[in-house]
Amino acid sequence: MAQKHDGKKEGAAKEGRKGEREREREREREREREREREREREREREREREIEREREREREIERERDREGERERERERERESERVGERERGGVEIESSRERVRGREGERERDRDRERERERERERERERERERERERERERETGREREREREREREREREREREREREREIERESEREREREREREREREREREIERERERERERERERERERE
């Protein structure tokens, strides 16, 4: 019986060591999940930096457009100054014809400028839509990450509950072993009592034998 008792205790100890190894594996899985969350945060920071770089490129394009517009206005002022000079030099009729030609050409150029500006605006709107889509994707990814984190937390809670159940089972087994030990002790006490009763019976028998003699 003592060997059986020792075997039960060894089994409980093995179960305890197994539980500790499982807890260590869970801690390692948690550390890996934390590293993955950090990598995801770094990817998110990189996406933010890329968006900022894209905005800076857009601002630079806008500044370049402003500079180009200013240069075009400067050229127009120079042309106007030249036209004024020609008229002052007396070439009014020739200049008038030239002016009409230049006016038509200038109008066509302005039309082209307006069309280019409309195209730039359409491109800006497409970029804004791409940015909105990137933002929606970031929100969806954030939502997915939150859901993954909630699922990881639920799994951790399930694991903790399994661990608590293993500990309760170990305690129940220990209690059963203690009860078996108490029962074995009661059994030994009954055997001792039987032995004492036999001894008393033998003593009575010897007493009767002495009386018969």
Protein backbone atom coordinates (compact mmCIF):
# COMPACT_ATOMS: atom_id res chain seq x y z
CA MET A 1 0.00 0.00 0.00
CA ALA A 2 2.85 2.40 0.79
CA GLN A 3 4.26 1.85 -2.70
CA LYS A 4 0.86 2.65 -4.20
CA HIS A 5 0.67 5.78 -2.07
CA ASP A 6 4.15 6.86 -3.21
CA GLY A 7 3.14 6.25 -6.83
CA LYS A 8 0.11 8.50 -6.45
CA LYS A 9 2.23 11.29 -4.98
CA GLU A 10 4.74 10.91 -7.81
CA GLY A 11 1.89 11.08 -10.32
CA ALA A 12 0.61 14.30 -8.77
CA ALA A 13 4.15 15.76 -8.83
CA LYS A 14 4.53 14.84 -12.51
CA GLU A 15 1.21 16.47 -13.25
CA GLY A 16 2.40 19.60 -11.43
CA ARG A 17 5.60 19.70 -13.49
CA LYS A 18 3.59 19.18 -16.66
CA GLY A 19 1.35 22.10 -15.68
CA GLU A 20 4.41 24.32 -15.09
CA ARG A 21 5.84 23.44 -18.50
CA GLU A 22 2.49 24.27 -20.09
CA ARG A 23 2.40 27.62 -18.25
CA GLU A 24 5.92 28.38 -19.50
CA ARG A 25 4.88 27.58 -23.07
CA GLU A 26 1.87 29.89 -22.66
CA ARG A 27 4.15 32.66 -21.35
CA GLU A 28 6.40 32.18 -24.39
CA ARG A 29 3.38 32.31 -26.71
CA GLU A 30 2.31 35.53 -24.98
CA ARG A 31 5.79 37.03 -25.46
CA GLU A 32 5.63 36.11 -29.15
CA ARG A 33 2.19 37.71 -29.45
CA GLU A 34 3.59 40.87 -27.84
CA ARG A 35 6.49 40.89 -30.31
CA GLU A 36 3.97 40.51 -33.15
CA ARG A 37 1.90 43.40 -31.78
CA GLU A 38 5.07 45.54 -31.67
CA ARG A 39 5.89 44.60 -35.27
CA GLU A 40 2.33 45.56 -36.24
CA ARG A 41 2.67 48.89 -34.43
CA GLU A 42 5.93 49.51 -36.32
CA ARG A 43 4.22 48.69 -39.62
CA GLU A 44 1.46 51.14 -38.68
CA ARG A 45 4.05 53.84 -37.88
CA GLU A 46 5.71 53.16 -41.26
CA ARG A 47 2.34 53.49 -43.01
CA GLU A 48 1.84 56.81 -41.21
CA ARG A 49 5.29 57.99 -42.29
CA GLU A 50 4.52 56.99 -45.89
CA ILE A 51 1.25 58.92 -45.79
CA GLU A 52 3.11 61.96 -44.46
CA ARG A 53 5.71 61.63 -47.23
CA GLU A 54 2.87 61.40 -49.77
CA ARG A 55 1.27 64.53 -48.33
CA GLU A 56 4.61 66.32 -48.51
CA ARG A 57 4.97 65.30 -52.17
CA GLU A 58 1.46 66.65 -52.78
CA ARG A 59 2.33 69.92 -51.05
CA GLU A 60 5.51 70.19 -53.13
CA ILE A 61 3.50 69.62 -56.34
CA GLU A 62 1.11 72.33 -55.23
CA ARG A 63 3.99 74.72 -54.50
CA GLU A 64 5.48 73.94 -57.93
CA ARG A 65 2.13 74.72 -59.55
CA ASP A 66 2.05 78.02 -57.69
CA ARG A 67 5.58 78.81 -58.87
CA GLU A 68 4.67 77.86 -62.44
CA GLY A 69 1.57 80.05 -62.26
CA GLU A 70 3.69 82.93 -61.04
CA ARG A 71 6.19 82.39 -63.85
CA GLU A 72 3.34 82.34 -66.39
CA ARG A 73 1.94 85.57 -64.99
CA GLU A 74 5.41 87.09 -65.21
CA ARG A 75 5.72 86.02 -68.86
CA GLU A 76 2.29 87.47 -69.56
CA ARG A 77 3.35 90.78 -67.98
CA GLU A 78 6.46 90.79 -70.18
CA ARG A 79 4.40 90.09 -73.29
CA GLU A 80 1.99 92.84 -72.35
CA SER A 81 4.92 95.21 -71.82
CA GLU A 82 6.24 94.29 -75.28
CA ARG A 83 2.82 94.86 -76.83
CA VAL A 84 2.58 98.26 -75.20
CA GLY A 85 6.05 99.11 -76.52
CA GLU A 86 5.17 98.10 -80.08
CA ARG A 87 2.01 100.13 -80.06
CA GLU A 88 3.92 103.12 -78.79
CA ARG A 89 6.40 102.74 -81.65
CA GLY A 90 3.52 103.29 -84.09
CA GLY A 91 2.90 99.84 -85.42
CA VAL A 92 -0.70 99.99 -84.35
CA GLU A 93 -2.29 98.14 -87.30
CA ILE A 94 0.37 95.47 -87.52
CA GLU A 95 0.28 95.08 -83.78
CA SER A 96 -3.51 94.88 -83.89
CA SER A 97 -3.30 91.90 -86.22
CA ARG A 98 -0.54 90.38 -84.15
CA GLU A 99 -2.57 91.09 -81.02
CA ARG A 100 -5.55 89.22 -82.40
CA VAL A 101 -3.35 86.25 -83.29
CA ARG A 102 -1.67 86.36 -79.90
CA GLY A 103 -5.06 86.81 -78.23
CA ARG A 104 -6.41 83.69 -79.90
CA GLU A 105 -3.21 81.78 -79.08
CA GLY A 106 -3.31 83.10 -75.53
CA GLU A 107 -6.92 81.98 -75.17
CA ARG A 108 -6.05 78.52 -76.46
CA GLU A 109 -3.14 78.41 -74.00
CA ARG A 110 -5.41 79.46 -71.18
CA ASP A 111 -7.87 76.76 -72.21
CA ARG A 112 -5.04 74.26 -72.12
CA ASP A 113 -3.99 75.59 -68.70
CA ARG A 114 -7.53 75.26 -67.42
CA GLU A 115 -7.73 71.71 -68.74
CA ARG A 116 -4.39 70.85 -67.15
CA GLU A 117 -5.64 72.33 -63.87
CA ARG A 118 -8.86 70.32 -64.12
CA GLU A 119 -6.78 67.19 -64.71
CA ARG A 120 -4.58 68.04 -61.73
CA GLU A 121 -7.72 68.50 -59.64
CA ARG A 122 -9.05 65.16 -60.82
CA GLU A 123 -5.70 63.58 -59.89
CA ARG A 124 -5.83 65.25 -56.48
CA GLU A 125 -9.35 63.87 -56.00
CA ARG A 126 -8.16 60.40 -57.02
CA GLU A 127 -5.31 60.71 -54.52
CA ARG A 128 -7.74 61.84 -51.83
CA GLU A 129 -9.90 58.81 -52.62
CA ARG A 130 -6.85 56.56 -52.43
CA GLU A 131 -6.02 58.14 -49.08
CA ARG A 132 -9.57 57.56 -47.86
CA GLU A 133 -9.33 53.94 -49.00
CA ARG A 134 -5.99 53.54 -47.20
CA GLU A 135 -7.62 55.02 -44.08
CA ARG A 136 -10.54 52.61 -44.37
CA GLU A 137 -8.10 49.73 -44.80
CA ARG A 138 -6.16 50.86 -41.72
CA GLU A 139 -9.44 50.96 -39.78
CA ARG A 140 -10.37 47.49 -41.03
CA GLU A 141 -6.91 46.17 -40.10
CA THR A 142 -7.17 47.81 -36.69
CA GLY A 143 -10.54 46.13 -36.24
CA ARG A 144 -9.12 42.79 -37.32
CA GLU A 145 -6.18 43.21 -34.93
CA ARG A 146 -8.54 44.08 -32.08
CA GLU A 147 -10.58 40.96 -32.86
CA ARG A 148 -7.43 38.84 -33.02
CA GLU A 149 -6.39 40.29 -29.64
CA ARG A 150 -9.81 39.54 -28.17
CA GLU A 151 -9.56 35.97 -29.47
CA ARG A 152 -6.07 35.64 -28.01
CA GLU A 153 -7.41 36.90 -24.68
CA ARG A 154 -10.28 34.42 -24.83
CA GLU A 155 -7.77 31.64 -25.55
CA ARG A 156 -5.62 32.78 -22.63
CA GLU A 157 -8.70 32.72 -20.39
CA ARG A 158 -9.59 29.23 -21.61
CA GLU A 159 -6.03 28.13 -20.91
CA ARG A 160 -6.17 29.66 -17.44
CA GLU A 161 -9.45 27.83 -16.82
CA ARG A 162 -7.91 24.57 -18.02
CA GLU A 163 -4.99 25.19 -15.68
CA ARG A 164 -7.33 25.89 -12.79
CA GLU A 165 -9.22 22.69 -13.61
CA ARG A 166 -5.97 20.73 -13.68
CA GLU A 167 -5.08 22.17 -10.29
CA ARG A 168 -8.54 21.33 -8.93
CA GLU A 169 -8.17 17.77 -10.26
CA ILE A 170 -4.75 17.47 -8.60
CA GLU A 171 -6.32 18.69 -5.35
CA ARG A 172 -9.21 16.25 -5.70
CA GLU A 173 -6.77 13.41 -6.35
CA SER A 174 -4.72 14.48 -3.34
CA GLU A 175 -7.90 14.49 -1.23
CA ARG A 176 -8.85 11.06 -2.52
CA GLU A 177 -5.37 9.83 -1.65
CA ARG A 178 -5.66 11.30 1.84
CA GLU A 179 -9.04 9.59 2.23
CA ARG A 180 -7.55 6.30 1.07
CA GLU A 181 -4.76 6.74 3.59
CA ARG A 182 -7.29 7.41 6.35
CA GLU A 183 -9.21 4.30 5.27
CA ARG A 184 -6.01 2.29 5.32
CA GLU A 185 -5.33 3.58 8.84
CA ARG A 186 -8.83 2.63 9.96
CA GLU A 187 -8.30 -0.80 8.42
CA ARG A 188 -5.04 -1.21 10.29
CA GLU A 189 -6.78 -0.12 13.50
CA ARG A 190 -9.52 -2.71 12.92
CA GLU A 191 -6.85 -5.37 12.38
CA ARG A 192 -5.10 -4.33 15.58
CA GLU A 193 -8.41 -4.47 17.43
CA ILE A 194 -9.08 -7.95 16.02
CA GLU A 195 -5.60 -8.99 17.10
CA ARG A 196 -6.20 -7.60 20.59
CA GLU A 197 -9.52 -9.43 20.72
CA ARG A 198 -7.79 -12.66 19.71
CA GLU A 199 -5.19 -12.08 22.37
CA ARG A 200 -7.92 -11.55 24.95
CA GLU A 201 -9.61 -14.73 23.74
CA ARG A 202 -6.37 -16.67 24.07
CA GLU A 203 -5.93 -15.23 27.53
CA ARG A 204 -9.44 -16.37 28.50
CA GLU A 205 -8.70 -19.79 27.06
CA ARG A 206 -5.54 -20.06 29.12
CA GLU A 207 -7.53 -18.95 32.16
CA ARG A 208 -10.13 -21.67 31.57
CA GLU A 209 -7.35 -24.17 31.07
CA ARG A 210 -5.82 -23.24 34.42
CA GLU A 211 -9.24 -23.56 36.07
CA ARG A 212 -9.76 -27.05 34.65
CA GLU A 213 -6.39 -28.09 35.94
